[in-house]
Amino acid sequence: MFFPEGAVRVQVYGRPFDIRKTFDGLYALIRQAFGCDPLSGDLFVFINRRGSQMKVLYWDRTGFCVWAKRLEQGRFVSDWAQVRTRQMDWTGLKLLLEGVEPARFRRRFNLPENALQAA
């Protein structure tokens, strides 16, 4: 599903969570931690303790969907002490998925030099 850029709210959970949680576990966490209605259409983002896996839960009018991403190297979160539960926009989520920390504007990993020469 594609989202219009300005219409999507993204809620980021500011603490590490158990990546084994599924639909029901994430639903309960949203109700408890965010105090939001999971059926609102917002995207709810959860990152594991190592910062290498992310799950996004959202409601698409017919049921819940979960996106999952696991990094082979690098981390979504470099320092958990600086992460807070907050709302961000769709662009911020895209930057996070691509490896750019919006507050610092740096990549979470460096490409090998031979990959740069091949491009």
C-alpha atoms as a PDB file:
ATOM      1  CA  MET A   1       0.000   0.000   0.000  1.00  0.00           C
ATOM      2  CA  PHE A   2       1.234   3.492  -0.821  1.00  0.00           C
ATOM      3  CA  PHE A   3       0.649   6.370   1.540  1.00  0.00           C
ATOM      4  CA  PRO A   4       0.231  10.031   0.657  1.00  0.00           C
ATOM      5  CA  GLU A   5       3.277  11.796   2.099  1.00  0.00           C
ATOM      6  CA  GLY A   6       1.524  14.344   4.301  1.00  0.00           C
ATOM      7  CA  ALA A   7      -1.354  12.224   5.546  1.00  0.00           C
ATOM      8  CA  VAL A   8       0.530   9.504   7.421  1.00  0.00           C
ATOM      9  CA  ARG A   9       1.526   9.792  11.061  1.00  0.00           C
ATOM     10  CA  VAL A  10       4.323   7.560  12.264  1.00  0.00           C
ATOM     11  CA  GLN A  11       4.602   6.701  15.966  1.00  0.00           C
ATOM     12  CA  VAL A  12       8.028   5.452  17.082  1.00  0.00           C
ATOM     13  CA  TYR A  13       8.287   3.426  20.280  1.00  0.00           C
ATOM     14  CA  GLY A  14      11.266   4.775  22.228  1.00  0.00           C
ATOM     15  CA  ARG A  15      12.284   1.620  24.060  1.00  0.00           C
ATOM     16  CA  PRO A  16      13.665  -1.711  22.836  1.00  0.00           C
ATOM     17  CA  PHE A  17      11.004  -4.392  22.428  1.00  0.00           C
ATOM     18  CA  ASP A  18      10.838  -8.156  22.008  1.00  0.00           C
ATOM     19  CA  ILE A  19      11.001  -8.737  18.250  1.00  0.00           C
ATOM     20  CA  ARG A  20       9.056 -12.016  18.624  1.00  0.00           C
ATOM     21  CA  LYS A  21       5.794 -10.127  19.250  1.00  0.00           C
ATOM     22  CA  THR A  22       3.159 -10.615  16.577  1.00  0.00           C
ATOM     23  CA  PHE A  23      -0.074  -8.794  15.742  1.00  0.00           C
ATOM     24  CA  ASP A  24      -1.732  -9.245  19.137  1.00  0.00           C
ATOM     25  CA  GLY A  25       1.387  -8.397  21.142  1.00  0.00           C
ATOM     26  CA  LEU A  26       2.025  -5.256  19.114  1.00  0.00           C
ATOM     27  CA  TYR A  27      -1.653  -4.265  19.365  1.00  0.00           C
ATOM     28  CA  ALA A  28      -1.500  -4.515  23.180  1.00  0.00           C
ATOM     29  CA  LEU A  29       1.770  -2.560  23.281  1.00  0.00           C
ATOM     30  CA  ILE A  30       0.248   0.239  21.212  1.00  0.00           C
ATOM     31  CA  ARG A  31      -2.790   0.474  23.498  1.00  0.00           C
ATOM     32  CA  GLN A  32      -0.601   0.490  26.619  1.00  0.00           C
ATOM     33  CA  ALA A  33       2.482   2.508  25.607  1.00  0.00           C
ATOM     34  CA  PHE A  34       1.054   5.012  23.149  1.00  0.00           C
ATOM     35  CA  GLY A  35      -2.477   5.237  24.500  1.00  0.00           C
ATOM     36  CA  CYS A  36      -3.603   5.320  20.863  1.00  0.00           C
ATOM     37  CA  ASP A  37      -6.151   3.401  18.881  1.00  0.00           C
ATOM     38  CA  PRO A  38      -4.277   0.921  16.648  1.00  0.00           C
ATOM     39  CA  LEU A  39      -7.162   1.180  14.149  1.00  0.00           C
ATOM     40  CA  SER A  40      -6.394   4.869  13.519  1.00  0.00           C
ATOM     41  CA  GLY A  41      -4.328   4.212  10.388  1.00  0.00           C
ATOM     42  CA  ASP A  42      -1.079   5.466  11.943  1.00  0.00           C
ATOM     43  CA  LEU A  43       2.127   3.500  11.435  1.00  0.00           C
ATOM     44  CA  PHE A  44       3.595   2.169  14.684  1.00  0.00           C
ATOM     45  CA  VAL A  45       7.347   1.491  14.594  1.00  0.00           C
ATOM     46  CA  PHE A  46       9.162  -0.861  16.980  1.00  0.00           C
ATOM     47  CA  ILE A  47      12.919  -1.552  17.053  1.00  0.00           C
ATOM     48  CA  ASN A  48      14.662  -4.414  18.875  1.00  0.00           C
ATOM     49  CA  ARG A  49      17.341  -4.000  21.559  1.00  0.00           C
ATOM     50  CA  ARG A  50      20.283  -4.438  19.179  1.00  0.00           C
ATOM     51  CA  GLY A  51      18.778  -1.894  16.809  1.00  0.00           C
ATOM     52  CA  SER A  52      19.114  -4.236  13.858  1.00  0.00           C
ATOM     53  CA  GLN A  53      15.459  -5.238  13.386  1.00  0.00           C
ATOM     54  CA  MET A  54      12.339  -3.161  12.949  1.00  0.00           C
ATOM     55  CA  LYS A  55       8.629  -3.959  12.786  1.00  0.00           C
ATOM     56  CA  VAL A  56       5.912  -1.587  11.622  1.00  0.00           C
ATOM     57  CA  LEU A  57       2.265  -2.322  12.404  1.00  0.00           C
ATOM     58  CA  TYR A  58      -0.638  -0.544  10.716  1.00  0.00           C
ATOM     59  CA  TRP A  59      -4.335  -1.001   9.999  1.00  0.00           C
ATOM     60  CA  ASP A  60      -5.341  -0.850   6.313  1.00  0.00           C
ATOM     61  CA  ARG A  61      -9.173  -0.944   6.670  1.00  0.00           C
ATOM     62  CA  THR A  62      -9.344  -4.722   6.185  1.00  0.00           C
ATOM     63  CA  GLY A  63      -6.852  -5.979   8.761  1.00  0.00           C
ATOM     64  CA  PHE A  64      -3.490  -5.456  10.413  1.00  0.00           C
ATOM     65  CA  CYS A  65      -0.293  -5.496   8.396  1.00  0.00           C
ATOM     66  CA  VAL A  66       3.229  -5.950   9.734  1.00  0.00           C
ATOM     67  CA  TRP A  67       6.327  -4.869   7.879  1.00  0.00           C
ATOM     68  CA  ALA A  68       9.621  -6.237   9.105  1.00  0.00           C
ATOM     69  CA  LYS A  69      13.170  -5.316   8.192  1.00  0.00           C
ATOM     70  CA  ARG A  70      16.399  -6.907   9.424  1.00  0.00           C
ATOM     71  CA  LEU A  71      19.731  -5.277   8.712  1.00  0.00           C
ATOM     72  CA  GLU A  72      22.704  -7.388   7.728  1.00  0.00           C
ATOM     73  CA  GLN A  73      25.046  -4.719   9.100  1.00  0.00           C
ATOM     74  CA  GLY A  74      24.591  -1.443  10.928  1.00  0.00           C
ATOM     75  CA  ARG A  75      21.780  -0.332  13.215  1.00  0.00           C
ATOM     76  CA  PHE A  76      18.608   1.716  13.045  1.00  0.00           C
ATOM     77  CA  VAL A  77      19.403   3.181  16.466  1.00  0.00           C
ATOM     78  CA  SER A  78      22.934   4.111  17.458  1.00  0.00           C
ATOM     79  CA  ASP A  79      22.213   5.080  21.089  1.00  0.00           C
ATOM     80  CA  TRP A  80      19.057   4.037  22.985  1.00  0.00           C
ATOM     81  CA  ALA A  81      19.674   6.774  25.582  1.00  0.00           C
ATOM     82  CA  GLN A  82      18.730   9.376  22.971  1.00  0.00           C
ATOM     83  CA  VAL A  83      15.618   7.619  21.638  1.00  0.00           C
ATOM     84  CA  ARG A  84      12.200   8.766  22.865  1.00  0.00           C
ATOM     85  CA  THR A  85       8.674   7.664  22.062  1.00  0.00           C
ATOM     86  CA  ARG A  86       7.600  10.266  19.545  1.00  0.00           C
ATOM     87  CA  GLN A  87       5.709  11.050  16.408  1.00  0.00           C
ATOM     88  CA  MET A  88       7.534  11.560  13.129  1.00  0.00           C
ATOM     89  CA  ASP A  89       6.466  12.056   9.549  1.00  0.00           C
ATOM     90  CA  TRP A  90       6.632   9.642   6.620  1.00  0.00           C
ATOM     91  CA  THR A  91       9.850  11.218   5.354  1.00  0.00           C
ATOM     92  CA  GLY A  92      11.539  10.628   8.718  1.00  0.00           C
ATOM     93  CA  LEU A  93      10.578   6.948   8.567  1.00  0.00           C
ATOM     94  CA  LYS A  94      11.943   6.632   5.027  1.00  0.00           C
ATOM     95  CA  LEU A  95      15.225   8.188   6.176  1.00  0.00           C
ATOM     96  CA  LEU A  96      15.372   5.785   9.121  1.00  0.00           C
ATOM     97  CA  LEU A  97      14.767   2.811   6.809  1.00  0.00           C
ATOM     98  CA  GLU A  98      17.497   4.024   4.434  1.00  0.00           C
ATOM     99  CA  GLY A  99      20.005   4.389   7.251  1.00  0.00           C
ATOM    100  CA  VAL A 100      20.047   8.129   7.804  1.00  0.00           C
ATOM    101  CA  GLU A 101      19.632   9.353  11.362  1.00  0.00           C
ATOM    102  CA  PRO A 102      17.504  12.487  10.878  1.00  0.00           C
ATOM    103  CA  ALA A 103      19.012  14.289  13.869  1.00  0.00           C
ATOM    104  CA  ARG A 104      22.580  13.746  12.656  1.00  0.00           C
ATOM    105  CA  PHE A 105      22.173  13.285   8.894  1.00  0.00           C
ATOM    106  CA  ARG A 106      24.686  10.469   8.657  1.00  0.00           C
ATOM    107  CA  ARG A 107      24.524   6.967   7.264  1.00  0.00           C
ATOM    108  CA  ARG A 108      24.532   3.977   9.606  1.00  0.00           C
ATOM    109  CA  PHE A 109      27.152   2.185   7.491  1.00  0.00           C
ATOM    110  CA  ASN A 110      29.815   2.960   4.916  1.00  0.00           C
ATOM    111  CA  LEU A 111      29.924   1.335   1.514  1.00  0.00           C
ATOM    112  CA  PRO A 112      33.111  -0.581   0.686  1.00  0.00           C
ATOM    113  CA  GLU A 113      35.418   1.313  -1.633  1.00  0.00           C
ATOM    114  CA  ASN A 114      35.067  -1.240  -4.444  1.00  0.00           C
ATOM    115  CA  ALA A 115      31.268  -0.736  -4.412  1.00  0.00           C
ATOM    116  CA  LEU A 116      31.766   2.989  -4.942  1.00  0.00           C
ATOM    117  CA  GLN A 117      34.077   2.378  -7.889  1.00  0.00           C
ATOM    118  CA  ALA A 118      31.604  -0.023  -9.520  1.00  0.00           C
ATOM    119  CA  ALA A 119      28.812   2.572  -9.374  1.00  0.00           C
END
